[in-house]
PDB file of N, CA and C in Angstrom:
ATOM      1  N   MET A   1      -7.000 -15.660  -4.798  1.00  0.00           N
ATOM      2  CA  MET A   1      -6.824 -14.283  -5.208  1.00  0.00           C
ATOM      3  C   MET A   1      -5.642 -14.187  -6.175  1.00  0.00           C
ATOM      4  N   SER A   2      -5.480 -13.040  -6.746  1.00  0.00           N
ATOM      5  CA  SER A   2      -4.387 -12.832  -7.692  1.00  0.00           C
ATOM      6  C   SER A   2      -3.399 -11.823  -7.128  1.00  0.00           C
ATOM      7  N   LEU A   3      -2.284 -11.683  -7.802  1.00  0.00           N
ATOM      8  CA  LEU A   3      -1.265 -10.724  -7.384  1.00  0.00           C
ATOM      9  C   LEU A   3      -1.885  -9.328  -7.253  1.00  0.00           C
ATOM     10  N   LYS A   4      -2.650  -8.928  -8.259  1.00  0.00           N
ATOM     11  CA  LYS A   4      -3.251  -7.594  -8.261  1.00  0.00           C
ATOM     12  C   LYS A   4      -4.272  -7.427  -7.132  1.00  0.00           C
ATOM     13  N   SER A   5      -5.160  -8.377  -6.980  1.00  0.00           N
ATOM     14  CA  SER A   5      -6.191  -8.246  -5.941  1.00  0.00           C
ATOM     15  C   SER A   5      -5.593  -8.346  -4.543  1.00  0.00           C
ATOM     16  N   ASP A   6      -4.545  -9.164  -4.383  1.00  0.00           N
ATOM     17  CA  ASP A   6      -3.847  -9.231  -3.092  1.00  0.00           C
ATOM     18  C   ASP A   6      -3.215  -7.886  -2.759  1.00  0.00           C
ATOM     19  N   CYS A   7      -2.612  -7.258  -3.756  1.00  0.00           N
ATOM     20  CA  CYS A   7      -1.973  -5.963  -3.563  1.00  0.00           C
ATOM     21  C   CYS A   7      -3.016  -4.902  -3.204  1.00  0.00           C
ATOM     22  N   GLU A   8      -4.120  -4.895  -3.937  1.00  0.00           N
ATOM     23  CA  GLU A   8      -5.188  -3.934  -3.652  1.00  0.00           C
ATOM     24  C   GLU A   8      -5.723  -4.107  -2.237  1.00  0.00           C
ATOM     25  N   ALA A   9      -5.912  -5.342  -1.804  1.00  0.00           N
ATOM     26  CA  ALA A   9      -6.400  -5.613  -0.449  1.00  0.00           C
ATOM     27  C   ALA A   9      -5.396  -5.125   0.593  1.00  0.00           C
ATOM     28  N   SER A  10      -4.120  -5.299   0.306  1.00  0.00           N
ATOM     29  CA  SER A  10      -3.085  -4.851   1.232  1.00  0.00           C
ATOM     30  C   SER A  10      -3.065  -3.325   1.330  1.00  0.00           C
ATOM     31  N   VAL A  11      -3.226  -2.642   0.209  1.00  0.00           N
ATOM     32  CA  VAL A  11      -3.284  -1.171   0.226  1.00  0.00           C
ATOM     33  C   VAL A  11      -4.426  -0.725   1.126  1.00  0.00           C
ATOM     34  N   LEU A  12      -5.588  -1.346   0.970  1.00  0.00           N
ATOM     35  CA  LEU A  12      -6.755  -0.970   1.764  1.00  0.00           C
ATOM     36  C   LEU A  12      -6.577  -1.272   3.244  1.00  0.00           C
ATOM     37  N   GLU A  13      -5.760  -2.263   3.551  1.00  0.00           N
ATOM     38  CA  GLU A  13      -5.468  -2.577   4.951  1.00  0.00           C
ATOM     39  C   GLU A  13      -4.712  -1.425   5.617  1.00  0.00           C
ATOM     40  N   TYR A  14      -3.796  -0.824   4.888  1.00  0.00           N
ATOM     41  CA  TYR A  14      -2.984   0.273   5.432  1.00  0.00           C
ATOM     42  C   TYR A  14      -3.590   1.651   5.185  1.00  0.00           C
ATOM     43  N   ALA A  15      -4.379   1.777   4.115  1.00  0.00           N
ATOM     44  CA  ALA A  15      -4.982   3.062   3.761  1.00  0.00           C
ATOM     45  C   ALA A  15      -6.404   2.814   3.266  1.00  0.00           C
ATOM     46  N   PRO A  16      -7.353   2.717   4.198  1.00  0.00           N
ATOM     47  CA  PRO A  16      -8.742   2.482   3.790  1.00  0.00           C
ATOM     48  C   PRO A  16      -9.219   3.540   2.793  1.00  0.00           C
ATOM     49  N   LEU A  17     -10.189   3.167   1.993  1.00  0.00           N
ATOM     50  CA  LEU A  17     -10.652   4.045   0.926  1.00  0.00           C
ATOM     51  C   LEU A  17     -11.071   5.420   1.447  1.00  0.00           C
ATOM     52  N   HIS A  18     -11.760   5.481   2.568  1.00  0.00           N
ATOM     53  CA  HIS A  18     -12.192   6.791   3.068  1.00  0.00           C
ATOM     54  C   HIS A  18     -10.998   7.669   3.444  1.00  0.00           C
ATOM     55  N   LYS A  19      -9.909   7.074   3.907  1.00  0.00           N
ATOM     56  CA  LYS A  19      -8.689   7.846   4.198  1.00  0.00           C
ATOM     57  C   LYS A  19      -8.051   8.337   2.896  1.00  0.00           C
ATOM     58  N   GLN A  20      -8.074   7.491   1.865  1.00  0.00           N
ATOM     59  CA  GLN A  20      -7.533   7.901   0.571  1.00  0.00           C
ATOM     60  C   GLN A  20      -8.339   9.067  -0.014  1.00  0.00           C
ATOM     61  N   LEU A  21      -9.652   8.984   0.115  1.00  0.00           N
ATOM     62  CA  LEU A  21     -10.504  10.066  -0.389  1.00  0.00           C
ATOM     63  C   LEU A  21     -10.270  11.360   0.389  1.00  0.00           C
ATOM     64  N   ASN A  22     -10.134  11.258   1.703  1.00  0.00           N
ATOM     65  CA  ASN A  22      -9.842  12.444   2.512  1.00  0.00           C
ATOM     66  C   ASN A  22      -8.492  13.043   2.139  1.00  0.00           C
ATOM     67  N   ALA A  23      -7.526  12.196   1.865  1.00  0.00           N
ATOM     68  CA  ALA A  23      -6.204  12.684   1.454  1.00  0.00           C
ATOM     69  C   ALA A  23      -6.319  13.472   0.151  1.00  0.00           C
ATOM     70  N   HIS A  24      -7.104  12.948  -0.756  1.00  0.00           N
ATOM     71  CA  HIS A  24      -7.273  13.614  -2.048  1.00  0.00           C
ATOM     72  C   HIS A  24      -8.056  14.925  -1.921  1.00  0.00           C
ATOM     73  N   MET A  25      -9.129  14.880  -1.176  1.00  0.00           N
ATOM     74  CA  MET A  25     -10.020  16.046  -1.102  1.00  0.00           C
ATOM     75  C   MET A  25      -9.548  17.119  -0.118  1.00  0.00           C
ATOM     76  N   PHE A  26      -8.959  16.687   1.012  1.00  0.00           N
ATOM     77  CA  PHE A  26      -8.656  17.633   2.080  1.00  0.00           C
ATOM     78  C   PHE A  26      -7.185  17.648   2.504  1.00  0.00           C
ATOM     79  N   ASP A  27      -6.352  16.899   1.800  1.00  0.00           N
ATOM     80  CA  ASP A  27      -4.922  16.789   2.115  1.00  0.00           C
ATOM     81  C   ASP A  27      -4.657  16.179   3.493  1.00  0.00           C
ATOM     82  N   GLU A  28      -5.610  15.424   4.032  1.00  0.00           N
ATOM     83  CA  GLU A  28      -5.406  14.747   5.315  1.00  0.00           C
ATOM     84  C   GLU A  28      -4.572  13.487   5.088  1.00  0.00           C
ATOM     85  N   TYR A  29      -3.498  13.352   5.822  1.00  0.00           N
ATOM     86  CA  TYR A  29      -2.642  12.159   5.757  1.00  0.00           C
ATOM     87  C   TYR A  29      -2.094  11.909   4.351  1.00  0.00           C
ATOM     88  N   LYS A  30      -2.000  12.952   3.556  1.00  0.00           N
ATOM     89  CA  LYS A  30      -1.599  12.808   2.156  1.00  0.00           C
ATOM     90  C   LYS A  30      -0.223  12.157   2.009  1.00  0.00           C
ATOM     91  N   GLU A  31       0.720  12.553   2.849  1.00  0.00           N
ATOM     92  CA  GLU A  31       2.074  12.000   2.751  1.00  0.00           C
ATOM     93  C   GLU A  31       2.076  10.501   3.059  1.00  0.00           C
ATOM     94  N   TYR A  32       1.366  10.101   4.117  1.00  0.00           N
ATOM     95  CA  TYR A  32       1.315   8.685   4.486  1.00  0.00           C
ATOM     96  C   TYR A  32       0.631   7.865   3.384  1.00  0.00           C
ATOM     97  N   ILE A  33      -0.473   8.348   2.858  1.00  0.00           N
ATOM     98  CA  ILE A  33      -1.186   7.633   1.792  1.00  0.00           C
ATOM     99  C   ILE A  33      -0.269   7.463   0.580  1.00  0.00           C
ATOM    100  N   SER A  34       0.502   8.485   0.273  1.00  0.00           N
ATOM    101  CA  SER A  34       1.446   8.415  -0.837  1.00  0.00           C
ATOM    102  C   SER A  34       2.505   7.345  -0.597  1.00  0.00           C
ATOM    103  N   VAL A  35       2.996   7.256   0.635  1.00  0.00           N
ATOM    104  CA  VAL A  35       3.991   6.229   0.974  1.00  0.00           C
ATOM    105  C   VAL A  35       3.381   4.840   0.832  1.00  0.00           C
ATOM    106  N   VAL A  36       2.159   4.662   1.315  1.00  0.00           N
ATOM    107  CA  VAL A  36       1.476   3.368   1.208  1.00  0.00           C
ATOM    108  C   VAL A  36       1.393   2.942  -0.252  1.00  0.00           C
ATOM    109  N   ILE A  37       0.911   3.830  -1.085  1.00  0.00           N
ATOM    110  CA  ILE A  37       0.723   3.493  -2.497  1.00  0.00           C
ATOM    111  C   ILE A  37       2.059   3.261  -3.195  1.00  0.00           C
ATOM    112  N   THR A  38       3.040   4.091  -2.923  1.00  0.00           N
ATOM    113  CA  THR A  38       4.349   3.941  -3.562  1.00  0.00           C
ATOM    114  C   THR A  38       5.017   2.628  -3.174  1.00  0.00           C
ATOM    115  N   LEU A  39       5.014   2.303  -1.889  1.00  0.00           N
ATOM    116  CA  LEU A  39       5.633   1.042  -1.451  1.00  0.00           C
ATOM    117  C   LEU A  39       4.931  -0.160  -2.086  1.00  0.00           C
ATOM    118  N   HIS A  40       3.610  -0.120  -2.117  1.00  0.00           N
ATOM    119  CA  HIS A  40       2.870  -1.233  -2.714  1.00  0.00           C
ATOM    120  C   HIS A  40       3.127  -1.323  -4.219  1.00  0.00           C
ATOM    121  N   ARG A  41       3.156  -0.183  -4.886  1.00  0.00           N
ATOM    122  CA  ARG A  41       3.389  -0.175  -6.334  1.00  0.00           C
ATOM    123  C   ARG A  41       4.767  -0.761  -6.652  1.00  0.00           C
ATOM    124  N   ASP A  42       5.773  -0.340  -5.913  1.00  0.00           N
ATOM    125  CA  ASP A  42       7.131  -0.838  -6.142  1.00  0.00           C
ATOM    126  C   ASP A  42       7.223  -2.342  -5.887  1.00  0.00           C
ATOM    127  N   GLU A  43       6.643  -2.787  -4.764  1.00  0.00           N
ATOM    128  CA  GLU A  43       6.658  -4.223  -4.435  1.00  0.00           C
ATOM    129  C   GLU A  43       5.902  -5.023  -5.498  1.00  0.00           C
ATOM    130  N   TYR A  44       4.778  -4.496  -5.945  1.00  0.00           N
ATOM    131  CA  TYR A  44       3.969  -5.173  -6.962  1.00  0.00           C
ATOM    132  C   TYR A  44       4.762  -5.377  -8.247  1.00  0.00           C
ATOM    133  N   GLU A  45       5.436  -4.337  -8.697  1.00  0.00           N
ATOM    134  CA  GLU A  45       6.198  -4.434  -9.942  1.00  0.00           C
ATOM    135  C   GLU A  45       7.314  -5.479  -9.839  1.00  0.00           C
ATOM    136  N   VAL A  46       7.992  -5.523  -8.714  1.00  0.00           N
ATOM    137  CA  VAL A  46       9.051  -6.527  -8.509  1.00  0.00           C
ATOM    138  C   VAL A  46       8.457  -7.934  -8.534  1.00  0.00           C
ATOM    139  N   GLN A  47       7.369  -8.118  -7.797  1.00  0.00           N
ATOM    140  CA  GLN A  47       6.758  -9.446  -7.722  1.00  0.00           C
ATOM    141  C   GLN A  47       6.160  -9.869  -9.064  1.00  0.00           C
ATOM    142  N   LYS A  48       5.600  -8.912  -9.792  1.00  0.00           N
ATOM    143  CA  LYS A  48       5.059  -9.208 -11.121  1.00  0.00           C
ATOM    144  C   LYS A  48       6.186  -9.650 -12.053  1.00  0.00           C
ATOM    145  N   ALA A  49       7.314  -8.939 -12.011  1.00  0.00           N
ATOM    146  CA  ALA A  49       8.465  -9.292 -12.854  1.00  0.00           C
ATOM    147  C   ALA A  49       9.014 -10.666 -12.492  1.00  0.00           C
ATOM    148  N   ASN A  50       8.893 -11.034 -11.214  1.00  0.00           N
ATOM    149  CA  ASN A  50       9.360 -12.358 -10.760  1.00  0.00           C
ATOM    150  C   ASN A  50       8.380 -13.474 -11.095  1.00  0.00           C
ATOM    151  N   GLY A  51       7.191 -13.113 -11.583  1.00  0.00           N
ATOM    152  CA  GLY A  51       6.192 -14.120 -11.929  1.00  0.00           C
ATOM    153  C   GLY A  51       5.406 -14.631 -10.740  1.00  0.00           C
ATOM    154  N   ASP A  52       5.444 -13.904  -9.634  1.00  0.00           N
ATOM    155  CA  ASP A  52       4.702 -14.325  -8.438  1.00  0.00           C
ATOM    156  C   ASP A  52       3.203 -14.278  -8.709  1.00  0.00           C
ATOM    157  N   SER A  53       2.457 -15.162  -8.043  1.00  0.00           N
ATOM    158  CA  SER A  53       1.007 -15.204  -8.248  1.00  0.00           C
ATOM    159  C   SER A  53       0.236 -14.640  -7.057  1.00  0.00           C
ATOM    160  N   THR A  54       0.921 -14.432  -5.941  1.00  0.00           N
ATOM    161  CA  THR A  54       0.292 -13.803  -4.778  1.00  0.00           C
ATOM    162  C   THR A  54       1.188 -12.669  -4.301  1.00  0.00           C
ATOM    163  N   PHE A  55       0.557 -11.639  -3.758  1.00  0.00           N
ATOM    164  CA  PHE A  55       1.288 -10.470  -3.293  1.00  0.00           C
ATOM    165  C   PHE A  55       1.563 -10.585  -1.804  1.00  0.00           C
ATOM    166  N   VAL A  56       2.812 -10.332  -1.417  1.00  0.00           N
ATOM    167  CA  VAL A  56       3.200 -10.296  -0.016  1.00  0.00           C
ATOM    168  C   VAL A  56       4.051  -9.050   0.199  1.00  0.00           C
ATOM    169  N   LEU A  57       3.585  -8.160   1.068  1.00  0.00           N
ATOM    170  CA  LEU A  57       4.334  -6.953   1.374  1.00  0.00           C
ATOM    171  C   LEU A  57       5.550  -7.328   2.219  1.00  0.00           C
ATOM    172  N   SER A  58       6.702  -6.813   1.874  1.00  0.00           N
ATOM    173  CA  SER A  58       7.929  -7.164   2.594  1.00  0.00           C
ATOM    174  C   SER A  58       7.865  -6.684   4.047  1.00  0.00           C
ATOM    175  N   GLU A  59       8.606  -7.336   4.901  1.00  0.00           N
ATOM    176  CA  GLU A  59       8.647  -6.960   6.314  1.00  0.00           C
ATOM    177  C   GLU A  59       9.188  -5.551   6.487  1.00  0.00           C
ATOM    178  N   GLY A  60      10.146  -5.162   5.652  1.00  0.00           N
ATOM    179  CA  GLY A  60      10.695  -3.812   5.714  1.00  0.00           C
ATOM    180  C   GLY A  60       9.640  -2.760   5.414  1.00  0.00           C
ATOM    181  N   ALA A  61       8.832  -3.013   4.382  1.00  0.00           N
ATOM    182  CA  ALA A  61       7.761  -2.085   4.023  1.00  0.00           C
ATOM    183  C   ALA A  61       6.705  -2.039   5.126  1.00  0.00           C
ATOM    184  N   LYS A  62       6.377  -3.200   5.686  1.00  0.00           N
ATOM    185  CA  LYS A  62       5.409  -3.241   6.791  1.00  0.00           C
ATOM    186  C   LYS A  62       5.890  -2.400   7.969  1.00  0.00           C
ATOM    187  N   GLN A  63       7.168  -2.501   8.269  1.00  0.00           N
ATOM    188  CA  GLN A  63       7.728  -1.754   9.390  1.00  0.00           C
ATOM    189  C   GLN A  63       7.669  -0.246   9.133  1.00  0.00           C
ATOM    190  N   ILE A  64       8.006   0.161   7.929  1.00  0.00           N
ATOM    191  CA  ILE A  64       7.946   1.579   7.564  1.00  0.00           C
ATOM    192  C   ILE A  64       6.518   2.096   7.738  1.00  0.00           C
ATOM    193  N   LEU A  65       5.546   1.346   7.239  1.00  0.00           N
ATOM    194  CA  LEU A  65       4.154   1.777   7.322  1.00  0.00           C
ATOM    195  C   LEU A  65       3.651   1.794   8.761  1.00  0.00           C
ATOM    196  N   LYS A  66       4.107   0.847   9.548  1.00  0.00           N
ATOM    197  CA  LYS A  66       3.723   0.811  10.964  1.00  0.00           C
ATOM    198  C   LYS A  66       4.272   2.032  11.704  1.00  0.00           C
ATOM    199  N   GLU A  67       5.513   2.369  11.433  1.00  0.00           N
ATOM    200  CA  GLU A  67       6.161   3.502  12.105  1.00  0.00           C
ATOM    201  C   GLU A  67       5.561   4.844  11.679  1.00  0.00           C
ATOM    202  N   GLN A  68       5.126   4.949  10.431  1.00  0.00           N
ATOM    203  CA  GLN A  68       4.634   6.229   9.918  1.00  0.00           C
ATOM    204  C   GLN A  68       3.119   6.385  10.017  1.00  0.00           C
ATOM    205  N   ASN A  69       2.416   5.345  10.413  1.00  0.00           N
ATOM    206  CA  ASN A  69       0.959   5.388  10.459  1.00  0.00           C
ATOM    207  C   ASN A  69       0.452   6.498  11.376  1.00  0.00           C
ATOM    208  N   PRO A  70      -0.255   7.493  10.836  1.00  0.00           N
ATOM    209  CA  PRO A  70      -0.719   8.611  11.651  1.00  0.00           C
ATOM    210  C   PRO A  70      -2.077   8.372  12.323  1.00  0.00           C
ATOM    211  N   PHE A  71      -2.702   7.248  12.024  1.00  0.00           N
ATOM    212  CA  PHE A  71      -4.014   6.987  12.625  1.00  0.00           C
ATOM    213  C   PHE A  71      -4.075   5.632  13.280  1.00  0.00           C
TER     214      PHE A  71
END
């Protein structure tokens, strides 16, 4: 896999597509979905700048997402 596809897979692990669609259409879990995407986007940019070839979500980000997970 690549950095981008690894990141996309990780986003889906924390925020499945149907949850993302519900957040967009009905404002369900909108804040949590936003946190998932923001944390992944920030981590991705750092790893891309470092020249990494695989995406790994930091333990700190994992902990934040675990604590805030509403479902």
